[in-house]
PDB file of N, CA and C in Angstrom:
ATOM      1  N   LEU A   1     137.615 120.116 -14.593  1.00  0.00           N
ATOM      2  CA  LEU A   1     136.726 120.843 -13.869  1.00  0.00           C
ATOM      3  C   LEU A   1     136.734 122.013 -13.076  1.00  0.00           C
ATOM      4  N   ILE A   2     136.818 123.532 -12.848  1.00  0.00           N
ATOM      5  CA  ILE A   2     137.026 124.043 -12.008  1.00  0.00           C
ATOM      6  C   ILE A   2     135.847 124.508 -10.992  1.00  0.00           C
ATOM      7  N   GLU A   3     136.467 124.845  -9.866  1.00  0.00           N
ATOM      8  CA  GLU A   3     135.214 125.225  -8.825  1.00  0.00           C
ATOM      9  C   GLU A   3     134.851 126.510  -8.920  1.00  0.00           C
ATOM     10  N   VAL A   4     133.674 126.997  -9.360  1.00  0.00           N
ATOM     11  CA  VAL A   4     133.399 128.375  -9.169  1.00  0.00           C
ATOM     12  C   VAL A   4     133.433 128.869  -8.413  1.00  0.00           C
ATOM     13  N   PRO A   5     133.407 130.457  -8.263  1.00  0.00           N
ATOM     14  CA  PRO A   5     133.246 131.083  -6.912  1.00  0.00           C
ATOM     15  C   PRO A   5     131.919 131.630  -6.569  1.00  0.00           C
ATOM     16  N   GLY A   6     130.894 130.826  -6.722  1.00  0.00           N
ATOM     17  CA  GLY A   6     129.765 131.233  -6.369  1.00  0.00           C
ATOM     18  C   GLY A   6     128.657 130.424  -7.384  1.00  0.00           C
ATOM     19  N   THR A   7     127.309 130.814  -7.092  1.00  0.00           N
ATOM     20  CA  THR A   7     126.282 130.339  -7.695  1.00  0.00           C
ATOM     21  C   THR A   7     125.466 131.333  -8.891  1.00  0.00           C
ATOM     22  N   ASP A   8     125.840 132.814  -8.347  1.00  0.00           N
ATOM     23  CA  ASP A   8     124.931 133.796  -9.032  1.00  0.00           C
ATOM     24  C   ASP A   8     125.687 134.494  -9.898  1.00  0.00           C
ATOM     25  N   ALA A   9     125.392 134.645 -11.091  1.00  0.00           N
ATOM     26  CA  ALA A   9     126.303 135.262 -12.275  1.00  0.00           C
ATOM     27  C   ALA A   9     125.687 136.290 -12.777  1.00  0.00           C
ATOM     28  N   ILE A  10     126.059 137.303 -13.110  1.00  0.00           N
ATOM     29  CA  ILE A  10     125.811 138.113 -14.277  1.00  0.00           C
ATOM     30  C   ILE A  10     126.410 138.133 -15.808  1.00  0.00           C
ATOM     31  N   ALA A  11     125.595 137.556 -16.993  1.00  0.00           N
ATOM     32  CA  ALA A  11     126.599 137.570 -18.075  1.00  0.00           C
ATOM     33  C   ALA A  11     126.218 139.312 -18.526  1.00  0.00           C
ATOM     34  N   THR A  12     127.394 139.730 -19.032  1.00  0.00           N
ATOM     35  CA  THR A  12     127.350 141.034 -19.791  1.00  0.00           C
ATOM     36  C   THR A  12     127.465 141.176 -21.287  1.00  0.00           C
ATOM     37  N   ASP A  13     128.009 140.180 -22.011  1.00  0.00           N
ATOM     38  CA  ASP A  13     128.051 140.048 -23.146  1.00  0.00           C
ATOM     39  C   ASP A  13     128.236 138.936 -23.872  1.00  0.00           C
ATOM     40  N   ILE A  14     127.778 138.657 -24.899  1.00  0.00           N
ATOM     41  CA  ILE A  14     127.904 137.194 -25.874  1.00  0.00           C
ATOM     42  C   ILE A  14     128.519 137.626 -27.219  1.00  0.00           C
ATOM     43  N   SER A  15     129.393 136.698 -27.644  1.00  0.00           N
ATOM     44  CA  SER A  15     129.972 136.739 -28.718  1.00  0.00           C
ATOM     45  C   SER A  15     128.751 136.456 -29.843  1.00  0.00           C
ATOM     46  N   PRO A  16     128.678 137.521 -31.135  1.00  0.00           N
ATOM     47  CA  PRO A  16     127.872 137.275 -32.543  1.00  0.00           C
ATOM     48  C   PRO A  16     127.578 135.834 -32.676  1.00  0.00           C
ATOM     49  N   ASP A  17     128.457 134.775 -32.456  1.00  0.00           N
ATOM     50  CA  ASP A  17     128.214 133.505 -32.723  1.00  0.00           C
ATOM     51  C   ASP A  17     127.463 132.859 -31.594  1.00  0.00           C
ATOM     52  N   GLY A  18     127.028 133.368 -30.513  1.00  0.00           N
ATOM     53  CA  GLY A  18     126.927 132.956 -29.537  1.00  0.00           C
ATOM     54  C   GLY A  18     127.647 131.637 -28.548  1.00  0.00           C
ATOM     55  N   LEU A  19     128.718 131.883 -29.090  1.00  0.00           N
ATOM     56  CA  LEU A  19     129.440 130.685 -28.466  1.00  0.00           C
ATOM     57  C   LEU A  19     130.501 131.074 -27.135  1.00  0.00           C
ATOM     58  N   THR A  20     130.332 132.254 -26.912  1.00  0.00           N
ATOM     59  CA  THR A  20     131.287 132.869 -25.705  1.00  0.00           C
ATOM     60  C   THR A  20     130.702 133.949 -25.060  1.00  0.00           C
ATOM     61  N   ILE A  21     130.287 133.533 -23.708  1.00  0.00           N
ATOM     62  CA  ILE A  21     129.997 134.793 -22.699  1.00  0.00           C
ATOM     63  C   ILE A  21     130.638 135.037 -21.560  1.00  0.00           C
ATOM     64  N   VAL A  22     130.469 136.392 -21.283  1.00  0.00           N
ATOM     65  CA  VAL A  22     131.336 136.635 -20.197  1.00  0.00           C
ATOM     66  C   VAL A  22     130.815 137.682 -19.235  1.00  0.00           C
ATOM     67  N   GLY A  23     131.193 137.841 -18.066  1.00  0.00           N
ATOM     68  CA  GLY A  23     130.390 138.275 -16.795  1.00  0.00           C
ATOM     69  C   GLY A  23     131.200 138.129 -15.472  1.00  0.00           C
ATOM     70  N   HIS A  24     130.412 138.323 -14.592  1.00  0.00           N
ATOM     71  CA  HIS A  24     131.336 137.980 -13.408  1.00  0.00           C
ATOM     72  C   HIS A  24     129.872 137.000 -12.197  1.00  0.00           C
ATOM     73  N   PHE A  25     130.692 136.471 -11.222  1.00  0.00           N
ATOM     74  CA  PHE A  25     130.226 135.903 -10.099  1.00  0.00           C
ATOM     75  C   PHE A  25     129.827 137.021  -9.355  1.00  0.00           C
ATOM     76  N   PHE A  26     128.796 137.154  -8.263  1.00  0.00           N
ATOM     77  CA  PHE A  26     128.548 137.952  -7.450  1.00  0.00           C
ATOM     78  C   PHE A  26     128.134 137.719  -5.969  1.00  0.00           C
ATOM     79  N   ASP A  27     127.726 136.360  -5.794  1.00  0.00           N
ATOM     80  CA  ASP A  27     127.374 136.265  -4.423  1.00  0.00           C
ATOM     81  C   ASP A  27     128.408 135.701  -3.492  1.00  0.00           C
ATOM     82  N   ASN A  28     129.752 135.718  -3.838  1.00  0.00           N
ATOM     83  CA  ASN A  28     130.800 135.708  -2.950  1.00  0.00           C
ATOM     84  C   ASN A  28     131.818 136.230  -3.280  1.00  0.00           C
ATOM     85  N   ALA A  29     132.300 136.947  -1.771  1.00  0.00           N
ATOM     86  CA  ALA A  29     133.666 137.867  -2.047  1.00  0.00           C
ATOM     87  C   ALA A  29     134.665 137.365  -2.380  1.00  0.00           C
ATOM     88  N   PRO A  30     135.557 137.652  -3.107  1.00  0.00           N
ATOM     89  CA  PRO A  30     136.036 138.952  -4.345  1.00  0.00           C
ATOM     90  C   PRO A  30     134.733 138.272  -5.367  1.00  0.00           C
ATOM     91  N   GLU A  31     134.012 139.015  -6.100  1.00  0.00           N
ATOM     92  CA  GLU A  31     133.404 138.937  -7.124  1.00  0.00           C
ATOM     93  C   GLU A  31     134.636 138.609  -8.158  1.00  0.00           C
ATOM     94  N   GLN A  32     134.565 137.623  -9.133  1.00  0.00           N
ATOM     95  CA  GLN A  32     135.191 136.950 -10.400  1.00  0.00           C
ATOM     96  C   GLN A  32     134.771 137.205 -11.629  1.00  0.00           C
ATOM     97  N   ALA A  33     135.518 137.749 -12.455  1.00  0.00           N
ATOM     98  CA  ALA A  33     135.220 137.919 -13.955  1.00  0.00           C
ATOM     99  C   ALA A  33     135.458 136.659 -14.642  1.00  0.00           C
ATOM    100  N   PHE A  34     134.512 136.053 -15.716  1.00  0.00           N
ATOM    101  CA  PHE A  34     134.683 134.631 -16.081  1.00  0.00           C
ATOM    102  C   PHE A  34     134.030 134.769 -17.424  1.00  0.00           C
ATOM    103  N   LEU A  35     134.970 133.881 -18.371  1.00  0.00           N
ATOM    104  CA  LEU A  35     134.920 133.401 -19.666  1.00  0.00           C
ATOM    105  C   LEU A  35     133.841 132.185 -19.752  1.00  0.00           C
ATOM    106  N   TRP A  36     132.851 132.163 -20.437  1.00  0.00           N
ATOM    107  CA  TRP A  36     132.306 130.902 -20.801  1.00  0.00           C
ATOM    108  C   TRP A  36     132.501 130.373 -22.114  1.00  0.00           C
ATOM    109  N   ARG A  37     132.681 129.296 -22.558  1.00  0.00           N
ATOM    110  CA  ARG A  37     133.178 128.856 -23.796  1.00  0.00           C
ATOM    111  C   ARG A  37     132.999 127.306 -23.973  1.00  0.00           C
ATOM    112  N   ASP A  38     132.223 127.058 -24.961  1.00  0.00           N
ATOM    113  CA  ASP A  38     132.210 125.191 -25.091  1.00  0.00           C
ATOM    114  C   ASP A  38     131.901 124.568 -23.859  1.00  0.00           C
ATOM    115  N   GLY A  39     130.759 124.919 -22.756  1.00  0.00           N
ATOM    116  CA  GLY A  39     130.459 124.635 -21.572  1.00  0.00           C
ATOM    117  C   GLY A  39     131.863 124.641 -20.619  1.00  0.00           C
ATOM    118  N   ALA A  40     132.460 125.249 -20.506  1.00  0.00           N
ATOM    119  CA  ALA A  40     133.716 125.475 -19.465  1.00  0.00           C
ATOM    120  C   ALA A  40     133.708 126.726 -19.044  1.00  0.00           C
ATOM    121  N   VAL A  41     134.135 126.739 -17.798  1.00  0.00           N
ATOM    122  CA  VAL A  41     133.952 128.360 -17.269  1.00  0.00           C
ATOM    123  C   VAL A  41     135.412 128.510 -16.985  1.00  0.00           C
ATOM    124  N   THR A  42     136.022 129.972 -17.493  1.00  0.00           N
ATOM    125  CA  THR A  42     137.429 130.117 -17.108  1.00  0.00           C
ATOM    126  C   THR A  42     137.390 131.632 -16.301  1.00  0.00           C
ATOM    127  N   LEU A  43     137.938 131.358 -15.076  1.00  0.00           N
ATOM    128  CA  LEU A  43     138.012 132.552 -14.043  1.00  0.00           C
ATOM    129  C   LEU A  43     139.038 133.403 -14.716  1.00  0.00           C
ATOM    130  N   LEU A  44     138.856 134.915 -15.079  1.00  0.00           N
ATOM    131  CA  LEU A  44     140.117 135.531 -15.727  1.00  0.00           C
ATOM    132  C   LEU A  44     141.127 136.347 -14.638  1.00  0.00           C
ATOM    133  N   GLY A  45     140.875 136.166 -13.249  1.00  0.00           N
ATOM    134  CA  GLY A  45     141.611 136.680 -12.290  1.00  0.00           C
ATOM    135  C   GLY A  45     141.452 138.514 -12.440  1.00  0.00           C
ATOM    136  N   THR A  46     142.462 139.002 -11.566  1.00  0.00           N
ATOM    137  CA  THR A  46     142.385 140.377 -11.276  1.00  0.00           C
ATOM    138  C   THR A  46     143.910 141.197 -11.360  1.00  0.00           C
ATOM    139  N   LEU A  47     143.946 142.147 -11.400  1.00  0.00           N
ATOM    140  CA  LEU A  47     145.227 142.781 -11.678  1.00  0.00           C
ATOM    141  C   LEU A  47     145.947 143.000 -10.497  1.00  0.00           C
ATOM    142  N   PRO A  48     147.285 142.998 -10.451  1.00  0.00           N
ATOM    143  CA  PRO A  48     148.101 142.612  -8.788  1.00  0.00           C
ATOM    144  C   PRO A  48     147.346 144.107  -7.865  1.00  0.00           C
ATOM    145  N   GLY A  49     146.960 143.505  -6.623  1.00  0.00           N
ATOM    146  CA  GLY A  49     146.748 144.610  -5.820  1.00  0.00           C
ATOM    147  C   GLY A  49     145.097 145.003  -5.924  1.00  0.00           C
ATOM    148  N   GLU A  50     144.373 144.326  -7.141  1.00  0.00           N
ATOM    149  CA  GLU A  50     142.842 144.455  -6.786  1.00  0.00           C
ATOM    150  C   GLU A  50     142.059 143.145  -6.177  1.00  0.00           C
ATOM    151  N   THR A  51     141.301 143.175  -5.707  1.00  0.00           N
ATOM    152  CA  THR A  51     140.170 141.997  -5.338  1.00  0.00           C
ATOM    153  C   THR A  51     139.307 141.776  -5.937  1.00  0.00           C
ATOM    154  N   ASP A  52     138.684 142.293  -7.169  1.00  0.00           N
ATOM    155  CA  ASP A  52     137.297 142.102  -7.834  1.00  0.00           C
ATOM    156  C   ASP A  52     137.355 142.303  -9.188  1.00  0.00           C
ATOM    157  N   SER A  53     136.974 141.489  -9.949  1.00  0.00           N
ATOM    158  CA  SER A  53     137.100 141.779 -11.608  1.00  0.00           C
ATOM    159  C   SER A  53     135.566 141.374 -12.505  1.00  0.00           C
ATOM    160  N   PHE A  54     135.851 142.176 -13.478  1.00  0.00           N
ATOM    161  CA  PHE A  54     134.176 142.137 -14.098  1.00  0.00           C
ATOM    162  C   PHE A  54     134.459 142.159 -15.346  1.00  0.00           C
ATOM    163  N   ALA A  55     134.199 141.373 -16.215  1.00  0.00           N
ATOM    164  CA  ALA A  55     134.249 141.024 -17.566  1.00  0.00           C
ATOM    165  C   ALA A  55     133.012 141.793 -18.234  1.00  0.00           C
ATOM    166  N   LEU A  56     133.438 142.651 -19.362  1.00  0.00           N
ATOM    167  CA  LEU A  56     132.247 143.676 -19.497  1.00  0.00           C
ATOM    168  C   LEU A  56     131.596 143.705 -21.247  1.00  0.00           C
ATOM    169  N   ALA A  57     132.950 142.986 -22.045  1.00  0.00           N
ATOM    170  CA  ALA A  57     132.411 142.560 -23.440  1.00  0.00           C
ATOM    171  C   ALA A  57     133.500 142.028 -23.934  1.00  0.00           C
ATOM    172  N   VAL A  58     133.244 141.093 -24.926  1.00  0.00           N
ATOM    173  CA  VAL A  58     133.988 140.087 -25.726  1.00  0.00           C
ATOM    174  C   VAL A  58     133.567 140.551 -27.072  1.00  0.00           C
ATOM    175  N   CYS A  59     135.157 140.406 -27.866  1.00  0.00           N
ATOM    176  CA  CYS A  59     135.093 140.642 -29.563  1.00  0.00           C
ATOM    177  C   CYS A  59     134.338 139.820 -29.936  1.00  0.00           C
ATOM    178  N   GLY A  60     134.127 140.118 -31.342  1.00  0.00           N
ATOM    179  CA  GLY A  60     133.274 139.371 -32.086  1.00  0.00           C
ATOM    180  C   GLY A  60     133.709 138.031 -32.621  1.00  0.00           C
ATOM    181  N   ASN A  61     134.801 137.308 -32.595  1.00  0.00           N
ATOM    182  CA  ASN A  61     135.096 136.065 -32.401  1.00  0.00           C
ATOM    183  C   ASN A  61     135.339 135.397 -31.385  1.00  0.00           C
ATOM    184  N   GLY A  62     135.404 136.236 -30.403  1.00  0.00           N
ATOM    185  CA  GLY A  62     135.379 135.726 -28.386  1.00  0.00           C
ATOM    186  C   GLY A  62     136.997 135.542 -28.052  1.00  0.00           C
ATOM    187  N   ASN A  63     137.832 135.804 -28.577  1.00  0.00           N
ATOM    188  CA  ASN A  63     139.401 135.359 -28.507  1.00  0.00           C
ATOM    189  C   ASN A  63     139.681 136.700 -27.274  1.00  0.00           C
ATOM    190  N   ALA A  64     138.922 137.813 -27.019  1.00  0.00           N
ATOM    191  CA  ALA A  64     139.446 139.041 -26.393  1.00  0.00           C
ATOM    192  C   ALA A  64     138.368 139.323 -25.506  1.00  0.00           C
ATOM    193  N   VAL A  65     139.064 139.746 -24.304  1.00  0.00           N
ATOM    194  CA  VAL A  65     137.705 140.345 -23.331  1.00  0.00           C
ATOM    195  C   VAL A  65     138.203 141.612 -22.700  1.00  0.00           C
ATOM    196  N   VAL A  66     137.085 142.259 -22.484  1.00  0.00           N
ATOM    197  CA  VAL A  66     137.616 143.556 -21.892  1.00  0.00           C
ATOM    198  C   VAL A  66     137.034 143.985 -20.405  1.00  0.00           C
ATOM    199  N   GLY A  67     137.380 144.329 -19.402  1.00  0.00           N
ATOM    200  CA  GLY A  67     136.574 144.271 -18.353  1.00  0.00           C
ATOM    201  C   GLY A  67     137.710 145.598 -17.300  1.00  0.00           C
ATOM    202  N   THR A  68     137.212 145.302 -15.989  1.00  0.00           N
ATOM    203  CA  THR A  68     138.056 146.446 -15.158  1.00  0.00           C
ATOM    204  C   THR A  68     137.980 145.448 -13.698  1.00  0.00           C
ATOM    205  N   THR A  69     139.043 145.678 -13.039  1.00  0.00           N
ATOM    206  CA  THR A  69     139.002 145.414 -11.626  1.00  0.00           C
ATOM    207  C   THR A  69     138.573 146.453 -10.407  1.00  0.00           C
ATOM    208  N   ARG A  70     138.771 146.258  -9.340  1.00  0.00           N
ATOM    209  CA  ARG A  70     138.785 147.050  -8.624  1.00  0.00           C
ATOM    210  C   ARG A  70     139.267 146.370  -6.876  1.00  0.00           C
ATOM    211  N   SER A  71     139.599 147.369  -5.879  1.00  0.00           N
ATOM    212  CA  SER A  71     139.830 147.042  -4.599  1.00  0.00           C
ATOM    213  C   SER A  71     138.752 147.788  -3.471  1.00  0.00           C
ATOM    214  N   ASP A  72     138.618 146.722  -2.832  1.00  0.00           N
ATOM    215  CA  ASP A  72     137.412 147.196  -1.856  1.00  0.00           C
ATOM    216  C   ASP A  72     138.135 148.078  -1.092  1.00  0.00           C
TER     217      ASP A  72
END
């Protein structure tokens, strides 16, 4: 188990088979992109020098995620 960085999240996409969901946690700073699959949450991190990350879409088979990061 991992500790997620908040309790409120926004799901931004779901794979066609419904097995993978991506989005971001937003109730604590920094905002963190996540991937949810098989009941487990994976935090996706940020690019160097950035503080927040956002997963925007997941590919058809759920193996690739696109998104963005930002610094405040």
